[in-house]
Amino acid sequence: MNNYTLYVDNNCSSCKKIQQYINENNIPVNTVNIDEENYDLPFTIMIIPALVKENKLLAYGPDITAILDHIKQ
């Protein structure tokens, strides 16, 4: 079961890069666009992209790739 969720928005160049990395590496991550979808988290997302697992912030921005590398293994 995939418990990872990537939060992005429409105007984020880093979000697009992370999403491209996910697609190219077939990494199982749910994506939520905060501009287009309702989302419910126990905290406010201040920086995007943000990688969350089980309602806990794991990483944001370019630090996400290190976590994604671990997920794809």
PDB file of N, CA and C in Angstrom:
ATOM      1  N   MET A   1       0.841  -1.177   0.000  1.00  0.00           N
ATOM      2  CA  MET A   1       0.000   0.000   0.000  1.00  0.00           C
ATOM      3  C   MET A   1       0.888   1.243   0.000  1.00  0.00           C
ATOM      4  N   ASN A   2       0.516   2.209  -0.821  1.00  0.00           N
ATOM      5  CA  ASN A   2       1.303   3.429  -0.953  1.00  0.00           C
ATOM      6  C   ASN A   2       0.769   4.497  -0.006  1.00  0.00           C
ATOM      7  N   ASN A   3       1.585   4.919   0.927  1.00  0.00           N
ATOM      8  CA  ASN A   3       1.179   5.945   1.884  1.00  0.00           C
ATOM      9  C   ASN A   3       1.847   7.286   1.625  1.00  0.00           C
ATOM     10  N   TYR A   4       2.547   7.408   0.516  1.00  0.00           N
ATOM     11  CA  TYR A   4       3.245   8.655   0.199  1.00  0.00           C
ATOM     12  C   TYR A   4       2.362   9.544  -0.667  1.00  0.00           C
ATOM     13  N   THR A   5       2.315  10.827  -0.328  1.00  0.00           N
ATOM     14  CA  THR A   5       1.566  11.794  -1.116  1.00  0.00           C
ATOM     15  C   THR A   5       2.435  13.011  -1.360  1.00  0.00           C
ATOM     16  N   LEU A   6       2.490  13.429  -2.608  1.00  0.00           N
ATOM     17  CA  LEU A   6       3.222  14.618  -3.000  1.00  0.00           C
ATOM     18  C   LEU A   6       2.218  15.733  -3.230  1.00  0.00           C
ATOM     19  N   TYR A   7       2.381  16.848  -2.530  1.00  0.00           N
ATOM     20  CA  TYR A   7       1.522  18.011  -2.681  1.00  0.00           C
ATOM     21  C   TYR A   7       2.220  19.025  -3.579  1.00  0.00           C
ATOM     22  N   VAL A   8       1.516  19.432  -4.631  1.00  0.00           N
ATOM     23  CA  VAL A   8       2.061  20.348  -5.632  1.00  0.00           C
ATOM     24  C   VAL A   8       1.032  21.445  -5.903  1.00  0.00           C
ATOM     25  N   ASP A   9       1.431  22.440  -6.710  1.00  0.00           N
ATOM     26  CA  ASP A   9       0.462  23.404  -7.221  1.00  0.00           C
ATOM     27  C   ASP A   9       0.757  23.692  -8.684  1.00  0.00           C
ATOM     28  N   ASN A  10      -0.060  24.522  -9.293  1.00  0.00           N
ATOM     29  CA  ASN A  10       0.037  24.760 -10.741  1.00  0.00           C
ATOM     30  C   ASN A  10       1.234  25.602 -11.164  1.00  0.00           C
ATOM     31  N   ASN A  11       1.773  26.426 -10.289  1.00  0.00           N
ATOM     32  CA  ASN A  11       2.808  27.388 -10.678  1.00  0.00           C
ATOM     33  C   ASN A  11       4.172  27.095 -10.067  1.00  0.00           C
ATOM     34  N   CYS A  12       4.453  25.850  -9.831  1.00  0.00           N
ATOM     35  CA  CYS A  12       5.676  25.468  -9.122  1.00  0.00           C
ATOM     36  C   CYS A  12       6.611  24.708 -10.062  1.00  0.00           C
ATOM     37  N   SER A  13       7.736  25.325 -10.427  1.00  0.00           N
ATOM     38  CA  SER A  13       8.684  24.649 -11.324  1.00  0.00           C
ATOM     39  C   SER A  13       9.342  23.450 -10.647  1.00  0.00           C
ATOM     40  N   SER A  14       9.605  23.541  -9.347  1.00  0.00           N
ATOM     41  CA  SER A  14      10.172  22.399  -8.612  1.00  0.00           C
ATOM     42  C   SER A  14       9.192  21.230  -8.580  1.00  0.00           C
ATOM     43  N   CYS A  15       7.911  21.545  -8.483  1.00  0.00           N
ATOM     44  CA  CYS A  15       6.881  20.500  -8.484  1.00  0.00           C
ATOM     45  C   CYS A  15       6.920  19.724  -9.800  1.00  0.00           C
ATOM     46  N   LYS A  16       7.030  20.449 -10.890  1.00  0.00           N
ATOM     47  CA  LYS A  16       7.066  19.814 -12.203  1.00  0.00           C
ATOM     48  C   LYS A  16       8.287  18.909 -12.332  1.00  0.00           C
ATOM     49  N   LYS A  17       9.429  19.352 -11.814  1.00  0.00           N
ATOM     50  CA  LYS A  17      10.647  18.539 -11.875  1.00  0.00           C
ATOM     51  C   LYS A  17      10.501  17.267 -11.042  1.00  0.00           C
ATOM     52  N   ILE A  18       9.933  17.397  -9.859  1.00  0.00           N
ATOM     53  CA  ILE A  18       9.742  16.232  -8.999  1.00  0.00           C
ATOM     54  C   ILE A  18       8.747  15.264  -9.642  1.00  0.00           C
ATOM     55  N   GLN A  19       7.661  15.783 -10.207  1.00  0.00           N
ATOM     56  CA  GLN A  19       6.674  14.928 -10.864  1.00  0.00           C
ATOM     57  C   GLN A  19       7.285  14.207 -12.057  1.00  0.00           C
ATOM     58  N   GLN A  20       8.127  14.880 -12.807  1.00  0.00           N
ATOM     59  CA  GLN A  20       8.808  14.249 -13.935  1.00  0.00           C
ATOM     60  C   GLN A  20       9.722  13.127 -13.437  1.00  0.00           C
ATOM     61  N   TYR A  21      10.452  13.374 -12.358  1.00  0.00           N
ATOM     62  CA  TYR A  21      11.330  12.363 -11.767  1.00  0.00           C
ATOM     63  C   TYR A  21      10.518  11.142 -11.333  1.00  0.00           C
ATOM     64  N   ILE A  22       9.374  11.377 -10.715  1.00  0.00           N
ATOM     65  CA  ILE A  22       8.502  10.283 -10.277  1.00  0.00           C
ATOM     66  C   ILE A  22       8.040   9.463 -11.476  1.00  0.00           C
ATOM     67  N   ASN A  23       7.596  10.139 -12.520  1.00  0.00           N
ATOM     68  CA  ASN A  23       7.113   9.438 -13.715  1.00  0.00           C
ATOM     69  C   ASN A  23       8.218   8.660 -14.417  1.00  0.00           C
ATOM     70  N   GLU A  24       9.384   9.262 -14.565  1.00  0.00           N
ATOM     71  CA  GLU A  24      10.497   8.594 -15.247  1.00  0.00           C
ATOM     72  C   GLU A  24      10.991   7.372 -14.496  1.00  0.00           C
ATOM     73  N   ASN A  25      10.842   7.382 -13.171  1.00  0.00           N
ATOM     74  CA  ASN A  25      11.349   6.279 -12.352  1.00  0.00           C
ATOM     75  C   ASN A  25      10.252   5.358 -11.832  1.00  0.00           C
ATOM     76  N   ASN A  26       9.021   5.574 -12.291  1.00  0.00           N
ATOM     77  CA  ASN A  26       7.886   4.731 -11.896  1.00  0.00           C
ATOM     78  C   ASN A  26       7.782   4.563 -10.380  1.00  0.00           C
ATOM     79  N   ILE A  27       7.888   5.659  -9.666  1.00  0.00           N
ATOM     80  CA  ILE A  27       7.827   5.636  -8.202  1.00  0.00           C
ATOM     81  C   ILE A  27       6.363   5.780  -7.777  1.00  0.00           C
ATOM     82  N   PRO A  28       5.878   4.872  -6.935  1.00  0.00           N
ATOM     83  CA  PRO A  28       4.472   4.914  -6.529  1.00  0.00           C
ATOM     84  C   PRO A  28       4.195   5.989  -5.479  1.00  0.00           C
ATOM     85  N   VAL A  29       3.789   7.155  -5.945  1.00  0.00           N
ATOM     86  CA  VAL A  29       3.477   8.284  -5.067  1.00  0.00           C
ATOM     87  C   VAL A  29       2.164   8.899  -5.531  1.00  0.00           C
ATOM     88  N   ASN A  30       1.238   9.101  -4.617  1.00  0.00           N
ATOM     89  CA  ASN A  30       0.004   9.824  -4.940  1.00  0.00           C
ATOM     90  C   ASN A  30       0.341  11.302  -5.056  1.00  0.00           C
ATOM     91  N   THR A  31      -0.325  11.995  -5.965  1.00  0.00           N
ATOM     92  CA  THR A  31      -0.103  13.428  -6.138  1.00  0.00           C
ATOM     93  C   THR A  31      -1.403  14.178  -5.916  1.00  0.00           C
ATOM     94  N   VAL A  32      -1.322  15.261  -5.147  1.00  0.00           N
ATOM     95  CA  VAL A  32      -2.467  16.131  -4.909  1.00  0.00           C
ATOM     96  C   VAL A  32      -2.073  17.538  -5.319  1.00  0.00           C
ATOM     97  N   ASN A  33      -2.838  18.100  -6.252  1.00  0.00           N
ATOM     98  CA  ASN A  33      -2.617  19.482  -6.666  1.00  0.00           C
ATOM     99  C   ASN A  33      -3.478  20.364  -5.767  1.00  0.00           C
ATOM    100  N   ILE A  34      -2.847  21.147  -4.908  1.00  0.00           N
ATOM    101  CA  ILE A  34      -3.588  21.936  -3.926  1.00  0.00           C
ATOM    102  C   ILE A  34      -4.384  23.072  -4.566  1.00  0.00           C
ATOM    103  N   ASP A  35      -4.094  23.403  -5.816  1.00  0.00           N
ATOM    104  CA  ASP A  35      -4.873  24.415  -6.532  1.00  0.00           C
ATOM    105  C   ASP A  35      -6.166  23.839  -7.106  1.00  0.00           C
ATOM    106  N   GLU A  36      -6.208  22.525  -7.287  1.00  0.00           N
ATOM    107  CA  GLU A  36      -7.337  21.899  -7.972  1.00  0.00           C
ATOM    108  C   GLU A  36      -8.118  20.909  -7.130  1.00  0.00           C
ATOM    109  N   GLU A  37      -7.555  20.470  -6.003  1.00  0.00           N
ATOM    110  CA  GLU A  37      -8.192  19.424  -5.211  1.00  0.00           C
ATOM    111  C   GLU A  37      -8.324  19.848  -3.754  1.00  0.00           C
ATOM    112  N   ASN A  38      -9.342  19.306  -3.104  1.00  0.00           N
ATOM    113  CA  ASN A  38      -9.463  19.486  -1.656  1.00  0.00           C
ATOM    114  C   ASN A  38      -8.525  18.498  -0.977  1.00  0.00           C
ATOM    115  N   TYR A  39      -7.922  18.916   0.078  1.00  0.00           N
ATOM    116  CA  TYR A  39      -7.038  18.024   0.821  1.00  0.00           C
ATOM    117  C   TYR A  39      -7.213  18.296   2.310  1.00  0.00           C
ATOM    118  N   ASP A  40      -6.947  17.282   3.095  1.00  0.00           N
ATOM    119  CA  ASP A  40      -7.128  17.387   4.531  1.00  0.00           C
ATOM    120  C   ASP A  40      -5.864  16.892   5.227  1.00  0.00           C
ATOM    121  N   LEU A  41      -5.153  17.809   5.840  1.00  0.00           N
ATOM    122  CA  LEU A  41      -3.952  17.470   6.594  1.00  0.00           C
ATOM    123  C   LEU A  41      -4.031  18.143   7.959  1.00  0.00           C
ATOM    124  N   PRO A  42      -3.365  17.587   8.964  1.00  0.00           N
ATOM    125  CA  PRO A  42      -3.395  18.201  10.289  1.00  0.00           C
ATOM    126  C   PRO A  42      -2.458  19.401  10.420  1.00  0.00           C
ATOM    127  N   PHE A  43      -1.885  19.843   9.305  1.00  0.00           N
ATOM    128  CA  PHE A  43      -0.984  20.999   9.312  1.00  0.00           C
ATOM    129  C   PHE A  43      -1.120  21.752   8.000  1.00  0.00           C
ATOM    130  N   THR A  44      -0.646  22.977   7.985  1.00  0.00           N
ATOM    131  CA  THR A  44      -0.687  23.803   6.781  1.00  0.00           C
ATOM    132  C   THR A  44       0.593  23.580   5.980  1.00  0.00           C
ATOM    133  N   ILE A  45       0.444  23.408   4.691  1.00  0.00           N
ATOM    134  CA  ILE A  45       1.607  23.269   3.810  1.00  0.00           C
ATOM    135  C   ILE A  45       2.104  24.672   3.484  1.00  0.00           C
ATOM    136  N   MET A  46       3.325  24.970   3.904  1.00  0.00           N
ATOM    137  CA  MET A  46       3.905  26.297   3.699  1.00  0.00           C
ATOM    138  C   MET A  46       4.841  26.337   2.494  1.00  0.00           C
ATOM    139  N   ILE A  47       5.447  25.202   2.170  1.00  0.00           N
ATOM    140  CA  ILE A  47       6.405  25.112   1.070  1.00  0.00           C
ATOM    141  C   ILE A  47       6.014  23.920   0.209  1.00  0.00           C
ATOM    142  N   ILE A  48       6.029  24.129  -1.091  1.00  0.00           N
ATOM    143  CA  ILE A  48       5.757  23.024  -1.990  1.00  0.00           C
ATOM    144  C   ILE A  48       6.911  22.880  -2.977  1.00  0.00           C
ATOM    145  N   PRO A  49       7.129  21.726  -3.538  1.00  0.00           N
ATOM    146  CA  PRO A  49       6.407  20.500  -3.281  1.00  0.00           C
ATOM    147  C   PRO A  49       6.676  19.993  -1.866  1.00  0.00           C
ATOM    148  N   ALA A  50       5.706  19.239  -1.348  1.00  0.00           N
ATOM    149  CA  ALA A  50       5.834  18.660  -0.013  1.00  0.00           C
ATOM    150  C   ALA A  50       5.489  17.180  -0.092  1.00  0.00           C
ATOM    151  N   LEU A  51       6.360  16.354   0.469  1.00  0.00           N
ATOM    152  CA  LEU A  51       6.130  14.908   0.493  1.00  0.00           C
ATOM    153  C   LEU A  51       5.676  14.518   1.891  1.00  0.00           C
ATOM    154  N   VAL A  52       4.530  13.840   1.944  1.00  0.00           N
ATOM    155  CA  VAL A  52       3.901  13.490   3.218  1.00  0.00           C
ATOM    156  C   VAL A  52       3.652  11.985   3.244  1.00  0.00           C
ATOM    157  N   LYS A  53       3.815  11.383   4.419  1.00  0.00           N
ATOM    158  CA  LYS A  53       3.455   9.986   4.629  1.00  0.00           C
ATOM    159  C   LYS A  53       2.707   9.899   5.946  1.00  0.00           C
ATOM    160  N   GLU A  54       1.501   9.333   5.871  1.00  0.00           N
ATOM    161  CA  GLU A  54       0.676   9.147   7.060  1.00  0.00           C
ATOM    162  C   GLU A  54       0.543  10.441   7.864  1.00  0.00           C
ATOM    163  N   ASN A  55       0.234  11.534   7.154  1.00  0.00           N
ATOM    164  CA  ASN A  55       0.023  12.859   7.759  1.00  0.00           C
ATOM    165  C   ASN A  55       1.250  13.443   8.449  1.00  0.00           C
ATOM    166  N   LYS A  56       2.433  12.981   8.050  1.00  0.00           N
ATOM    167  CA  LYS A  56       3.682  13.538   8.576  1.00  0.00           C
ATOM    168  C   LYS A  56       4.525  14.058   7.418  1.00  0.00           C
ATOM    169  N   LEU A  57       4.994  15.287   7.536  1.00  0.00           N
ATOM    170  CA  LEU A  57       5.846  15.873   6.512  1.00  0.00           C
ATOM    171  C   LEU A  57       7.207  15.196   6.530  1.00  0.00           C
ATOM    172  N   LEU A  58       7.600  14.642   5.383  1.00  0.00           N
ATOM    173  CA  LEU A  58       8.906  13.968   5.274  1.00  0.00           C
ATOM    174  C   LEU A  58       9.967  14.884   4.693  1.00  0.00           C
ATOM    175  N   ALA A  59       9.579  15.654   3.671  1.00  0.00           N
ATOM    176  CA  ALA A  59      10.550  16.518   2.994  1.00  0.00           C
ATOM    177  C   ALA A  59       9.800  17.506   2.127  1.00  0.00           C
ATOM    178  N   TYR A  60      10.507  18.572   1.775  1.00  0.00           N
ATOM    179  CA  TYR A  60       9.949  19.536   0.837  1.00  0.00           C
ATOM    180  C   TYR A  60      11.053  20.019  -0.083  1.00  0.00           C
ATOM    181  N   GLY A  61      10.618  20.583  -1.228  1.00  0.00           N
ATOM    182  CA  GLY A  61      11.575  21.085  -2.194  1.00  0.00           C
ATOM    183  C   GLY A  61      12.475  19.992  -2.744  1.00  0.00           C
ATOM    184  N   PRO A  62      13.709  20.338  -3.067  1.00  0.00           N
ATOM    185  CA  PRO A  62      14.627  19.377  -3.691  1.00  0.00           C
ATOM    186  C   PRO A  62      15.038  18.218  -2.783  1.00  0.00           C
ATOM    187  N   ASP A  63      14.817  18.344  -1.478  1.00  0.00           N
ATOM    188  CA  ASP A  63      15.143  17.244  -0.554  1.00  0.00           C
ATOM    189  C   ASP A  63      14.275  16.012  -0.799  1.00  0.00           C
ATOM    190  N   ILE A  64      13.189  16.181  -1.522  1.00  0.00           N
ATOM    191  CA  ILE A  64      12.269  15.078  -1.791  1.00  0.00           C
ATOM    192  C   ILE A  64      12.943  13.969  -2.586  1.00  0.00           C
ATOM    193  N   THR A  65      13.862  14.305  -3.488  1.00  0.00           N
ATOM    194  CA  THR A  65      14.476  13.279  -4.327  1.00  0.00           C
ATOM    195  C   THR A  65      15.209  12.215  -3.511  1.00  0.00           C
ATOM    196  N   ALA A  66      15.808  12.579  -2.398  1.00  0.00           N
ATOM    197  CA  ALA A  66      16.492  11.583  -1.559  1.00  0.00           C
ATOM    198  C   ALA A  66      15.488  10.569  -1.007  1.00  0.00           C
ATOM    199  N   ILE A  67      14.322  11.045  -0.604  1.00  0.00           N
ATOM    200  CA  ILE A  67      13.276  10.145  -0.101  1.00  0.00           C
ATOM    201  C   ILE A  67      12.749   9.290  -1.249  1.00  0.00           C
ATOM    202  N   LEU A  68      12.543   9.899  -2.403  1.00  0.00           N
ATOM    203  CA  LEU A  68      12.034   9.148  -3.554  1.00  0.00           C
ATOM    204  C   LEU A  68      12.995   8.050  -3.974  1.00  0.00           C
ATOM    205  N   ASP A  69      14.284   8.312  -3.913  1.00  0.00           N
ATOM    206  CA  ASP A  69      15.266   7.276  -4.249  1.00  0.00           C
ATOM    207  C   ASP A  69      15.114   6.073  -3.321  1.00  0.00           C
ATOM    208  N   HIS A  70      14.812   6.328  -2.070  1.00  0.00           N
ATOM    209  CA  HIS A  70      14.601   5.251  -1.099  1.00  0.00           C
ATOM    210  C   HIS A  70      13.317   4.487  -1.414  1.00  0.00           C
ATOM    211  N   ILE A  71      12.268   5.189  -1.812  1.00  0.00           N
ATOM    212  CA  ILE A  71      10.982   4.557  -2.124  1.00  0.00           C
ATOM    213  C   ILE A  71      11.099   3.618  -3.312  1.00  0.00           C
ATOM    214  N   LYS A  72      11.834   4.033  -4.329  1.00  0.00           N
ATOM    215  CA  LYS A  72      11.901   3.229  -5.569  1.00  0.00           C
ATOM    216  C   LYS A  72      12.741   1.966  -5.425  1.00  0.00           C
ATOM    217  N   GLN A  73      13.489   1.845  -4.363  1.00  0.00           N
ATOM    218  CA  GLN A  73      14.338   0.654  -4.189  1.00  0.00           C
ATOM    219  C   GLN A  73      13.554  -0.548  -3.755  1.00  0.00           C
TER     220      GLN A  73
END
